[in-house]
All heavy atoms as atom14 arrays in JSON, in Angstrom:
{
  "sequence": "QKTRSGERTLAITFRCVVKEHNFEEANAKLNILKKACEDFEIIKQEE",
  "atom14_mask": [
    [1, 1, 1, 1, 1, 1, 1, 1, 1, 0, 0, 0, 0, 0],
    [1, 1, 1, 1, 1, 1, 1, 1, 1, 0, 0, 0, 0, 0],
    [1, 1, 1, 1, 1, 1, 1, 0, 0, 0, 0, 0, 0, 0],
    [1, 1, 1, 1, 1, 1, 1, 1, 1, 1, 1, 0, 0, 0],
    [1, 1, 1, 1, 1, 1, 0, 0, 0, 0, 0, 0, 0, 0],
    [1, 1, 1, 1, 0, 0, 0, 0, 0, 0, 0, 0, 0, 0],
    [1, 1, 1, 1, 1, 1, 1, 1, 1, 0, 0, 0, 0, 0],
    [1, 1, 1, 1, 1, 1, 1, 1, 1, 1, 1, 0, 0, 0],
    [1, 1, 1, 1, 1, 1, 1, 0, 0, 0, 0, 0, 0, 0],
    [1, 1, 1, 1, 1, 1, 1, 1, 0, 0, 0, 0, 0, 0],
    [1, 1, 1, 1, 1, 0, 0, 0, 0, 0, 0, 0, 0, 0],
    [1, 1, 1, 1, 1, 1, 1, 1, 0, 0, 0, 0, 0, 0],
    [1, 1, 1, 1, 1, 1, 1, 0, 0, 0, 0, 0, 0, 0],
    [1, 1, 1, 1, 1, 1, 1, 1, 1, 1, 1, 0, 0, 0],
    [1, 1, 1, 1, 1, 1, 1, 1, 1, 1, 1, 0, 0, 0],
    [1, 1, 1, 1, 1, 1, 0, 0, 0, 0, 0, 0, 0, 0],
    [1, 1, 1, 1, 1, 1, 1, 0, 0, 0, 0, 0, 0, 0],
    [1, 1, 1, 1, 1, 1, 1, 0, 0, 0, 0, 0, 0, 0],
    [1, 1, 1, 1, 1, 1, 1, 1, 1, 0, 0, 0, 0, 0],
    [1, 1, 1, 1, 1, 1, 1, 1, 1, 0, 0, 0, 0, 0],
    [1, 1, 1, 1, 1, 1, 1, 1, 1, 1, 0, 0, 0, 0],
    [1, 1, 1, 1, 1, 1, 1, 1, 0, 0, 0, 0, 0, 0],
    [1, 1, 1, 1, 1, 1, 1, 1, 1, 1, 1, 0, 0, 0],
    [1, 1, 1, 1, 1, 1, 1, 1, 1, 0, 0, 0, 0, 0],
    [1, 1, 1, 1, 1, 1, 1, 1, 1, 0, 0, 0, 0, 0],
    [1, 1, 1, 1, 1, 0, 0, 0, 0, 0, 0, 0, 0, 0],
    [1, 1, 1, 1, 1, 1, 1, 1, 0, 0, 0, 0, 0, 0],
    [1, 1, 1, 1, 1, 0, 0, 0, 0, 0, 0, 0, 0, 0],
    [1, 1, 1, 1, 1, 1, 1, 1, 1, 0, 0, 0, 0, 0],
    [1, 1, 1, 1, 1, 1, 1, 1, 0, 0, 0, 0, 0, 0],
    [1, 1, 1, 1, 1, 1, 1, 1, 0, 0, 0, 0, 0, 0],
    [1, 1, 1, 1, 1, 1, 1, 1, 0, 0, 0, 0, 0, 0],
    [1, 1, 1, 1, 1, 1, 1, 1, 0, 0, 0, 0, 0, 0],
    [1, 1, 1, 1, 1, 1, 1, 1, 1, 0, 0, 0, 0, 0],
    [1, 1, 1, 1, 1, 1, 1, 1, 1, 0, 0, 0, 0, 0],
    [1, 1, 1, 1, 1, 0, 0, 0, 0, 0, 0, 0, 0, 0],
    [1, 1, 1, 1, 1, 1, 0, 0, 0, 0, 0, 0, 0, 0],
    [1, 1, 1, 1, 1, 1, 1, 1, 1, 0, 0, 0, 0, 0],
    [1, 1, 1, 1, 1, 1, 1, 1, 0, 0, 0, 0, 0, 0],
    [1, 1, 1, 1, 1, 1, 1, 1, 1, 1, 1, 0, 0, 0],
    [1, 1, 1, 1, 1, 1, 1, 1, 1, 0, 0, 0, 0, 0],
    [1, 1, 1, 1, 1, 1, 1, 1, 0, 0, 0, 0, 0, 0],
    [1, 1, 1, 1, 1, 1, 1, 1, 0, 0, 0, 0, 0, 0],
    [1, 1, 1, 1, 1, 1, 1, 1, 1, 0, 0, 0, 0, 0],
    [1, 1, 1, 1, 1, 1, 1, 1, 1, 0, 0, 0, 0, 0],
    [1, 1, 1, 1, 1, 1, 1, 1, 1, 0, 0, 0, 0, 0],
    [1, 1, 1, 1, 1, 1, 1, 1, 1, 0, 0, 0, 0, 0]
  ],
  "atom14_positions": [
    [[7.47, 13.72, 10.82], [8.2, 14.61, 9.9], [7.26, 14.99, 8.78], [6.29, 14.34, 8.49], [9.41, 13.85, 9.34], [10.43, 13.42, 10.39], [11.61, 12.69, 9.78], [11.6, 12.37, 8.61], [12.61, 12.42, 10.62], [0.0, 0.0, 0.0], [0.0, 0.0, 0.0], [0.0, 0.0, 0.0], [0.0, 0.0, 0.0], [0.0, 0.0, 0.0]],
    [[7.59, 16.11, 8.14], [6.82, 16.61, 7.03], [7.59, 16.42, 5.74], [8.78, 16.57, 5.65], [6.49, 18.1, 7.21], [5.49, 18.39, 8.29], [5.11, 19.84, 8.32], [4.11, 20.11, 9.43], [3.71, 21.58, 9.44], [0.0, 0.0, 0.0], [0.0, 0.0, 0.0], [0.0, 0.0, 0.0], [0.0, 0.0, 0.0], [0.0, 0.0, 0.0]],
    [[6.88, 16.05, 4.61], [7.46, 15.88, 3.28], [7.47, 17.22, 2.6], [6.95, 18.22, 3.13], [6.7, 14.85, 2.46], [5.35, 15.29, 2.3], [6.68, 13.51, 3.21], [0.0, 0.0, 0.0], [0.0, 0.0, 0.0], [0.0, 0.0, 0.0], [0.0, 0.0, 0.0], [0.0, 0.0, 0.0], [0.0, 0.0, 0.0], [0.0, 0.0, 0.0]],
    [[8.09, 17.22, 1.43], [8.09, 18.48, 0.62], [6.68, 18.97, 0.3], [6.45, 20.19, 0.2], [8.88, 18.25, -0.68], [10.36, 18.03, -0.41], [11.08, 17.77, -1.73], [12.5, 17.52, -1.51], [13.34, 17.28, -2.51], [12.89, 17.2, -3.77], [14.63, 17.06, -2.25], [0.0, 0.0, 0.0], [0.0, 0.0, 0.0], [0.0, 0.0, 0.0]],
    [[5.77, 18.04, 0.08], [4.39, 18.46, -0.21], [3.7, 19.04, 0.99], [2.58, 19.52, 0.88], [3.61, 17.28, -0.72], [3.53, 16.27, 0.28], [0.0, 0.0, 0.0], [0.0, 0.0, 0.0], [0.0, 0.0, 0.0], [0.0, 0.0, 0.0], [0.0, 0.0, 0.0], [0.0, 0.0, 0.0], [0.0, 0.0, 0.0], [0.0, 0.0, 0.0]],
    [[4.3, 18.98, 2.12], [3.69, 19.5, 3.34], [2.91, 18.46, 4.1], [2.45, 18.71, 5.23], [0.0, 0.0, 0.0], [0.0, 0.0, 0.0], [0.0, 0.0, 0.0], [0.0, 0.0, 0.0], [0.0, 0.0, 0.0], [0.0, 0.0, 0.0], [0.0, 0.0, 0.0], [0.0, 0.0, 0.0], [0.0, 0.0, 0.0], [0.0, 0.0, 0.0]],
    [[2.67, 17.3, 3.54], [1.91, 16.24, 4.23], [2.81, 15.52, 5.23], [3.93, 15.22, 4.91], [1.39, 15.25, 3.2], [0.44, 14.22, 3.87], [-0.14, 13.24, 2.87], [0.21, 13.34, 1.66], [-0.93, 12.39, 3.3], [0.0, 0.0, 0.0], [0.0, 0.0, 0.0], [0.0, 0.0, 0.0], [0.0, 0.0, 0.0], [0.0, 0.0, 0.0]],
    [[2.31, 15.32, 6.36], [3.07, 14.69, 7.37], [3.23, 13.2, 7.15], [2.31, 12.55, 6.68], [2.45, 14.9, 8.77], [2.41, 16.36, 9.19], [2.01, 16.5, 10.63], [0.73, 15.85, 10.93], [0.24, 15.6, 12.11], [0.93, 15.99, 13.16], [-0.92, 15.04, 12.25], [0.0, 0.0, 0.0], [0.0, 0.0, 0.0], [0.0, 0.0, 0.0]],
    [[4.4, 12.66, 7.49], [4.6, 11.23, 7.39], [5.13, 10.75, 8.75], [5.69, 11.49, 9.53], [5.67, 10.88, 6.29], [6.9, 11.52, 6.61], [5.17, 11.31, 4.93], [0.0, 0.0, 0.0], [0.0, 0.0, 0.0], [0.0, 0.0, 0.0], [0.0, 0.0, 0.0], [0.0, 0.0, 0.0], [0.0, 0.0, 0.0], [0.0, 0.0, 0.0]],
    [[4.96, 9.47, 8.97], [5.36, 8.87, 10.28], [6.11, 7.64, 10.04], [5.66, 6.72, 9.36], [4.11, 8.62, 11.13], [4.35, 8.05, 12.52], [5.04, 9.07, 13.36], [3.02, 7.65, 13.17], [0.0, 0.0, 0.0], [0.0, 0.0, 0.0], [0.0, 0.0, 0.0], [0.0, 0.0, 0.0], [0.0, 0.0, 0.0], [0.0, 0.0, 0.0]],
    [[7.31, 7.54, 10.52], [8.15, 6.37, 10.41], [8.03, 5.54, 11.69], [8.26, 6.12, 12.78], [9.58, 6.71, 10.12], [0.0, 0.0, 0.0], [0.0, 0.0, 0.0], [0.0, 0.0, 0.0], [0.0, 0.0, 0.0], [0.0, 0.0, 0.0], [0.0, 0.0, 0.0], [0.0, 0.0, 0.0], [0.0, 0.0, 0.0], [0.0, 0.0, 0.0]],
    [[7.63, 4.3, 11.6], [7.45, 3.48, 12.79], [8.38, 2.27, 12.75], [8.4, 1.54, 11.76], [6.01, 3.0, 12.91], [5.03, 4.19, 12.95], [5.81, 2.11, 14.16], [3.58, 3.78, 12.89], [0.0, 0.0, 0.0], [0.0, 0.0, 0.0], [0.0, 0.0, 0.0], [0.0, 0.0, 0.0], [0.0, 0.0, 0.0], [0.0, 0.0, 0.0]],
    [[9.12, 2.1, 13.78], [9.96, 0.92, 13.89], [9.49, 0.11, 15.08], [9.35, 0.61, 16.2], [11.43, 1.32, 14.14], [11.88, 2.14, 13.03], [12.31, 0.06, 14.21], [0.0, 0.0, 0.0], [0.0, 0.0, 0.0], [0.0, 0.0, 0.0], [0.0, 0.0, 0.0], [0.0, 0.0, 0.0], [0.0, 0.0, 0.0], [0.0, 0.0, 0.0]],
    [[9.15, -1.18, 14.79], [8.65, -1.99, 15.95], [9.16, -3.42, 15.78], [9.62, -3.82, 14.71], [7.15, -1.97, 15.95], [6.48, -2.62, 14.77], [6.17, -4.01, 14.77], [6.14, -1.85, 13.67], [5.59, -4.56, 13.66], [5.55, -2.42, 12.57], [5.26, -3.81, 12.56], [0.0, 0.0, 0.0], [0.0, 0.0, 0.0], [0.0, 0.0, 0.0]],
    [[9.17, -4.11, 16.92], [9.62, -5.48, 16.92], [8.42, -6.35, 17.35], [7.78, -6.08, 18.37], [10.79, -5.63, 17.92], [11.29, -7.05, 18.04], [12.58, -7.01, 18.9], [13.16, -8.33, 19.06], [12.88, -9.17, 20.06], [12.01, -8.77, 20.99], [13.42, -10.35, 20.13], [0.0, 0.0, 0.0], [0.0, 0.0, 0.0], [0.0, 0.0, 0.0]],
    [[8.15, -7.34, 16.59], [6.97, -8.2, 16.84], [7.41, -9.66, 17.0], [8.06, -10.19, 16.13], [5.99, -8.05, 15.71], [4.52, -9.1, 15.94], [0.0, 0.0, 0.0], [0.0, 0.0, 0.0], [0.0, 0.0, 0.0], [0.0, 0.0, 0.0], [0.0, 0.0, 0.0], [0.0, 0.0, 0.0], [0.0, 0.0, 0.0], [0.0, 0.0, 0.0]],
    [[7.1, -10.28, 18.11], [7.39, -11.65, 18.4], [6.08, -12.46, 18.34], [5.14, -12.13, 19.11], [8.07, -11.85, 19.77], [8.35, -13.35, 20.01], [9.36, -11.03, 19.82], [0.0, 0.0, 0.0], [0.0, 0.0, 0.0], [0.0, 0.0, 0.0], [0.0, 0.0, 0.0], [0.0, 0.0, 0.0], [0.0, 0.0, 0.0], [0.0, 0.0, 0.0]],
    [[6.02, -13.4, 17.46], [4.73, -14.12, 17.28], [4.99, -15.62, 17.44], [5.94, -16.17, 16.9], [4.23, -13.87, 15.81], [2.87, -14.59, 15.63], [4.05, -12.37, 15.54], [0.0, 0.0, 0.0], [0.0, 0.0, 0.0], [0.0, 0.0, 0.0], [0.0, 0.0, 0.0], [0.0, 0.0, 0.0], [0.0, 0.0, 0.0], [0.0, 0.0, 0.0]],
    [[4.07, -16.26, 18.15], [4.12, -17.71, 18.32], [3.59, -18.39, 17.04], [2.79, -17.81, 16.3], [3.33, -18.15, 19.51], [3.98, -17.73, 20.83], [3.22, -18.29, 22.04], [3.91, -17.89, 23.33], [3.16, -18.4, 24.51], [0.0, 0.0, 0.0], [0.0, 0.0, 0.0], [0.0, 0.0, 0.0], [0.0, 0.0, 0.0], [0.0, 0.0, 0.0]],
    [[4.02, -19.61, 16.85], [3.71, -20.32, 15.61], [2.21, -20.42, 15.33], [1.75, -20.23, 14.18], [4.3, -21.74, 15.64], [4.14, -22.51, 14.31], [4.79, -23.85, 14.38], [5.39, -24.2, 15.43], [4.75, -24.57, 13.34], [0.0, 0.0, 0.0], [0.0, 0.0, 0.0], [0.0, 0.0, 0.0], [0.0, 0.0, 0.0], [0.0, 0.0, 0.0]],
    [[1.44, -20.69, 16.32], [0.02, -20.83, 16.09], [-0.69, -19.53, 15.72], [-1.86, -19.49, 15.3], [-0.7, -21.48, 17.31], [-0.73, -20.55, 18.5], [0.32, -20.53, 19.43], [-1.69, -19.7, 18.91], [0.0, -19.65, 20.37], [-1.2, -19.15, 20.08], [0.0, 0.0, 0.0], [0.0, 0.0, 0.0], [0.0, 0.0, 0.0], [0.0, 0.0, 0.0]],
    [[0.03, -18.39, 15.84], [-0.52, -17.06, 15.43], [0.13, -16.52, 14.16], [-0.09, -15.35, 13.82], [-0.37, -16.05, 16.55], [-1.33, -16.34, 17.72], [-2.43, -16.78, 17.51], [-0.88, -16.1, 18.93], [0.0, 0.0, 0.0], [0.0, 0.0, 0.0], [0.0, 0.0, 0.0], [0.0, 0.0, 0.0], [0.0, 0.0, 0.0], [0.0, 0.0, 0.0]],
    [[0.93, -17.35, 13.47], [1.62, -16.86, 12.24], [0.64, -16.3, 11.23], [0.82, -15.23, 10.68], [2.44, -18.0, 11.62], [3.72, -18.28, 12.33], [4.58, -19.33, 11.97], [4.18, -17.44, 13.4], [5.78, -19.55, 12.61], [5.37, -17.69, 14.04], [6.19, -18.73, 13.65], [0.0, 0.0, 0.0], [0.0, 0.0, 0.0], [0.0, 0.0, 0.0]],
    [[-0.42, -17.09, 10.93], [-1.34, -16.63, 9.92], [-1.99, -15.33, 10.27], [-2.16, -14.43, 9.45], [-2.42, -17.74, 9.72], [-1.88, -18.99, 9.09], [-2.96, -19.98, 8.8], [-4.19, -19.66, 9.02], [-2.69, -21.12, 8.35], [0.0, 0.0, 0.0], [0.0, 0.0, 0.0], [0.0, 0.0, 0.0], [0.0, 0.0, 0.0], [0.0, 0.0, 0.0]],
    [[-2.41, -15.18, 11.5], [-3.08, -13.96, 11.95], [-2.07, -12.78, 11.87], [-2.42, -11.67, 11.42], [-3.6, -14.09, 13.38], [-4.33, -12.85, 13.85], [-4.84, -12.99, 15.26], [-4.68, -14.13, 15.87], [-5.39, -12.04, 15.79], [0.0, 0.0, 0.0], [0.0, 0.0, 0.0], [0.0, 0.0, 0.0], [0.0, 0.0, 0.0], [0.0, 0.0, 0.0]],
    [[-0.82, -13.02, 12.23], [0.24, -11.97, 12.18], [0.46, -11.54, 10.72], [0.59, -10.34, 10.41], [1.51, -12.41, 12.79], [0.0, 0.0, 0.0], [0.0, 0.0, 0.0], [0.0, 0.0, 0.0], [0.0, 0.0, 0.0], [0.0, 0.0, 0.0], [0.0, 0.0, 0.0], [0.0, 0.0, 0.0], [0.0, 0.0, 0.0], [0.0, 0.0, 0.0]],
    [[0.62, -12.51, 9.84], [0.75, -12.15, 8.42], [-0.34, -11.37, 7.87], [-0.2, -10.43, 7.06], [0.94, -13.46, 7.59], [2.32, -14.09, 7.86], [3.31, -13.41, 8.1], [2.39, -15.42, 7.71], [0.0, 0.0, 0.0], [0.0, 0.0, 0.0], [0.0, 0.0, 0.0], [0.0, 0.0, 0.0], [0.0, 0.0, 0.0], [0.0, 0.0, 0.0]],
    [[-1.57, -11.71, 8.26], [-2.76, -10.99, 7.81], [-2.71, -9.52, 8.27], [-2.98, -8.58, 7.49], [-4.06, -11.65, 8.26], [0.0, 0.0, 0.0], [0.0, 0.0, 0.0], [0.0, 0.0, 0.0], [0.0, 0.0, 0.0], [0.0, 0.0, 0.0], [0.0, 0.0, 0.0], [0.0, 0.0, 0.0], [0.0, 0.0, 0.0], [0.0, 0.0, 0.0]],
    [[-2.27, -9.32, 9.53], [-2.16, -7.96, 10.06], [-1.06, -7.16, 9.31], [-1.18, -5.99, 9.01], [-1.84, -8.01, 11.56], [-2.91, -8.69, 12.39], [-4.22, -7.94, 12.37], [-5.2, -8.63, 13.32], [-6.52, -7.99, 13.31], [0.0, 0.0, 0.0], [0.0, 0.0, 0.0], [0.0, 0.0, 0.0], [0.0, 0.0, 0.0], [0.0, 0.0, 0.0]],
    [[0.06, -7.88, 8.97], [1.17, -7.21, 8.27], [0.73, -6.78, 6.88], [1.1, -5.74, 6.38], [2.37, -8.14, 8.18], [3.11, -8.38, 9.52], [4.19, -9.42, 9.32], [3.73, -7.08, 10.01], [0.0, 0.0, 0.0], [0.0, 0.0, 0.0], [0.0, 0.0, 0.0], [0.0, 0.0, 0.0], [0.0, 0.0, 0.0], [0.0, 0.0, 0.0]],
    [[-0.05, -7.64, 6.21], [-0.55, -7.28, 4.87], [-1.42, -6.02, 4.9], [-1.35, -5.18, 4.02], [-1.35, -8.43, 4.29], [-0.42, -9.59, 3.89], [0.76, -9.35, 3.56], [-0.93, -10.79, 3.92], [0.0, 0.0, 0.0], [0.0, 0.0, 0.0], [0.0, 0.0, 0.0], [0.0, 0.0, 0.0], [0.0, 0.0, 0.0], [0.0, 0.0, 0.0]],
    [[-2.26, -5.93, 5.97], [-3.07, -4.69, 6.13], [-2.16, -3.51, 6.34], [-2.38, -2.41, 5.76], [-4.03, -4.89, 7.31], [-5.04, -6.02, 7.02], [-4.77, -3.57, 7.58], [-5.92, -6.36, 8.18], [0.0, 0.0, 0.0], [0.0, 0.0, 0.0], [0.0, 0.0, 0.0], [0.0, 0.0, 0.0], [0.0, 0.0, 0.0], [0.0, 0.0, 0.0]],
    [[-1.1, -3.67, 7.16], [-0.2, -2.56, 7.45], [0.57, -2.17, 6.15], [0.8, -0.98, 5.93], [0.79, -3.0, 8.53], [1.76, -1.96, 9.06], [1.0, -0.77, 9.61], [2.66, -2.54, 10.09], [0.0, 0.0, 0.0], [0.0, 0.0, 0.0], [0.0, 0.0, 0.0], [0.0, 0.0, 0.0], [0.0, 0.0, 0.0], [0.0, 0.0, 0.0]],
    [[0.95, -3.13, 5.31], [1.66, -2.82, 4.05], [0.82, -1.87, 3.18], [1.34, -0.95, 2.56], [1.97, -4.09, 3.28], [3.1, -4.92, 3.88], [3.28, -6.2, 3.07], [4.39, -7.09, 3.69], [4.54, -8.32, 2.89], [0.0, 0.0, 0.0], [0.0, 0.0, 0.0], [0.0, 0.0, 0.0], [0.0, 0.0, 0.0], [0.0, 0.0, 0.0]],
    [[-0.49, -2.17, 3.08], [-1.34, -1.35, 2.22], [-1.4, 0.07, 2.7], [-1.61, 0.99, 1.91], [-2.72, -1.97, 2.19], [-2.76, -3.33, 1.5], [-4.17, -3.92, 1.51], [-4.19, -5.28, 0.87], [-5.55, -5.89, 0.88], [0.0, 0.0, 0.0], [0.0, 0.0, 0.0], [0.0, 0.0, 0.0], [0.0, 0.0, 0.0], [0.0, 0.0, 0.0]],
    [[-1.29, 0.31, 3.97], [-1.4, 1.66, 4.51], [-0.08, 2.42, 4.46], [-0.06, 3.64, 4.69], [-1.89, 1.58, 5.96], [0.0, 0.0, 0.0], [0.0, 0.0, 0.0], [0.0, 0.0, 0.0], [0.0, 0.0, 0.0], [0.0, 0.0, 0.0], [0.0, 0.0, 0.0], [0.0, 0.0, 0.0], [0.0, 0.0, 0.0], [0.0, 0.0, 0.0]],
    [[1.05, 1.7, 4.21], [2.34, 2.39, 4.29], [2.82, 2.82, 2.9], [2.55, 2.1, 1.87], [3.35, 1.43, 4.87], [3.04, 1.0, 6.6], [0.0, 0.0, 0.0], [0.0, 0.0, 0.0], [0.0, 0.0, 0.0], [0.0, 0.0, 0.0], [0.0, 0.0, 0.0], [0.0, 0.0, 0.0], [0.0, 0.0, 0.0], [0.0, 0.0, 0.0]],
    [[3.51, 3.94, 2.84], [4.19, 4.37, 1.62], [5.33, 3.45, 1.28], [5.63, 3.14, 0.11], [4.73, 5.83, 1.8], [3.63, 6.88, 1.9], [2.95, 7.12, 0.57], [3.63, 6.91, -0.48], [1.77, 7.45, 0.55], [0.0, 0.0, 0.0], [0.0, 0.0, 0.0], [0.0, 0.0, 0.0], [0.0, 0.0, 0.0], [0.0, 0.0, 0.0]],
    [[6.01, 3.03, 2.31], [7.15, 2.12, 2.11], [7.15, 1.18, 3.29], [6.93, 1.55, 4.43], [8.49, 2.92, 2.07], [9.67, 1.99, 1.8], [9.43, 0.9, 1.19], [10.75, 2.33, 2.22], [0.0, 0.0, 0.0], [0.0, 0.0, 0.0], [0.0, 0.0, 0.0], [0.0, 0.0, 0.0], [0.0, 0.0, 0.0], [0.0, 0.0, 0.0]],
    [[7.37, -0.13, 2.99], [7.33, -1.15, 4.08], [8.44, -2.16, 3.83], [8.61, -2.63, 2.71], [5.98, -1.88, 4.08], [5.88, -2.93, 5.14], [5.43, -2.56, 6.41], [6.19, -4.22, 4.91], [5.36, -3.5, 7.41], [6.12, -5.19, 5.89], [5.67, -4.81, 7.16], [0.0, 0.0, 0.0], [0.0, 0.0, 0.0], [0.0, 0.0, 0.0]],
    [[9.24, -2.4, 4.83], [10.39, -3.3, 4.68], [10.58, -4.06, 5.96], [10.6, -3.51, 7.08], [11.69, -2.53, 4.36], [12.89, -3.43, 4.21], [14.15, -2.64, 4.02], [14.05, -1.41, 3.96], [15.23, -3.2, 3.92], [0.0, 0.0, 0.0], [0.0, 0.0, 0.0], [0.0, 0.0, 0.0], [0.0, 0.0, 0.0], [0.0, 0.0, 0.0]],
    [[10.7, -5.44, 5.78], [11.02, -6.24, 6.94], [12.55, -6.34, 6.98], [13.15, -6.95, 6.11], [10.38, -7.67, 6.84], [8.86, -7.51, 6.8], [10.86, -8.57, 7.93], [8.13, -8.83, 6.6], [0.0, 0.0, 0.0], [0.0, 0.0, 0.0], [0.0, 0.0, 0.0], [0.0, 0.0, 0.0], [0.0, 0.0, 0.0], [0.0, 0.0, 0.0]],
    [[13.14, -5.77, 7.93], [14.65, -5.71, 8.05], [15.22, -7.04, 8.42], [16.21, -7.49, 7.85], [15.03, -4.61, 9.05], [14.55, -3.24, 8.59], [16.56, -4.58, 9.26], [14.73, -2.14, 9.54], [0.0, 0.0, 0.0], [0.0, 0.0, 0.0], [0.0, 0.0, 0.0], [0.0, 0.0, 0.0], [0.0, 0.0, 0.0], [0.0, 0.0, 0.0]],
    [[14.57, -7.74, 9.36], [15.15, -8.99, 9.84], [14.04, -9.9, 10.34], [13.12, -9.42, 11.03], [16.19, -8.74, 10.92], [16.93, -10.0, 11.41], [17.96, -9.62, 12.46], [18.72, -10.82, 12.91], [19.7, -10.51, 13.96], [0.0, 0.0, 0.0], [0.0, 0.0, 0.0], [0.0, 0.0, 0.0], [0.0, 0.0, 0.0], [0.0, 0.0, 0.0]],
    [[14.13, -11.18, 10.06], [13.12, -12.13, 10.53], [13.84, -13.42, 10.95], [14.58, -13.97, 10.13], [12.1, -12.41, 9.43], [11.02, -13.44, 9.85], [9.96, -13.58, 8.78], [9.45, -12.6, 8.31], [9.68, -14.8, 8.42], [0.0, 0.0, 0.0], [0.0, 0.0, 0.0], [0.0, 0.0, 0.0], [0.0, 0.0, 0.0], [0.0, 0.0, 0.0]],
    [[13.74, -13.82, 12.14], [14.46, -15.0, 12.62], [13.64, -15.74, 13.65], [12.76, -15.18, 14.29], [15.79, -14.59, 13.2], [15.66, -13.68, 14.42], [17.03, -13.25, 14.99], [18.02, -13.71, 14.47], [16.99, -12.51, 15.99], [0.0, 0.0, 0.0], [0.0, 0.0, 0.0], [0.0, 0.0, 0.0], [0.0, 0.0, 0.0], [0.0, 0.0, 0.0]],
    [[13.95, -17.03, 13.75], [13.31, -17.85, 14.81], [14.05, -17.69, 16.09], [15.25, -17.53, 16.15], [13.28, -19.28, 14.38], [12.36, -19.6, 13.23], [12.2, -21.1, 12.99], [12.71, -21.88, 13.84], [11.64, -21.49, 11.95], [0.0, 0.0, 0.0], [0.0, 0.0, 0.0], [0.0, 0.0, 0.0], [0.0, 0.0, 0.0], [0.0, 0.0, 0.0]]
  ]
}
């Protein structure tokens, strides 16, 4: 979709299942993703 300024934006919805021994690596990847996003929200997190 395009914003009023004409710059394109992309909304991505994804589901990520991570095993416990990869929690730290997953969190690090999420932090990188947060920096690149205009808006970032974790809707639901459960075991």
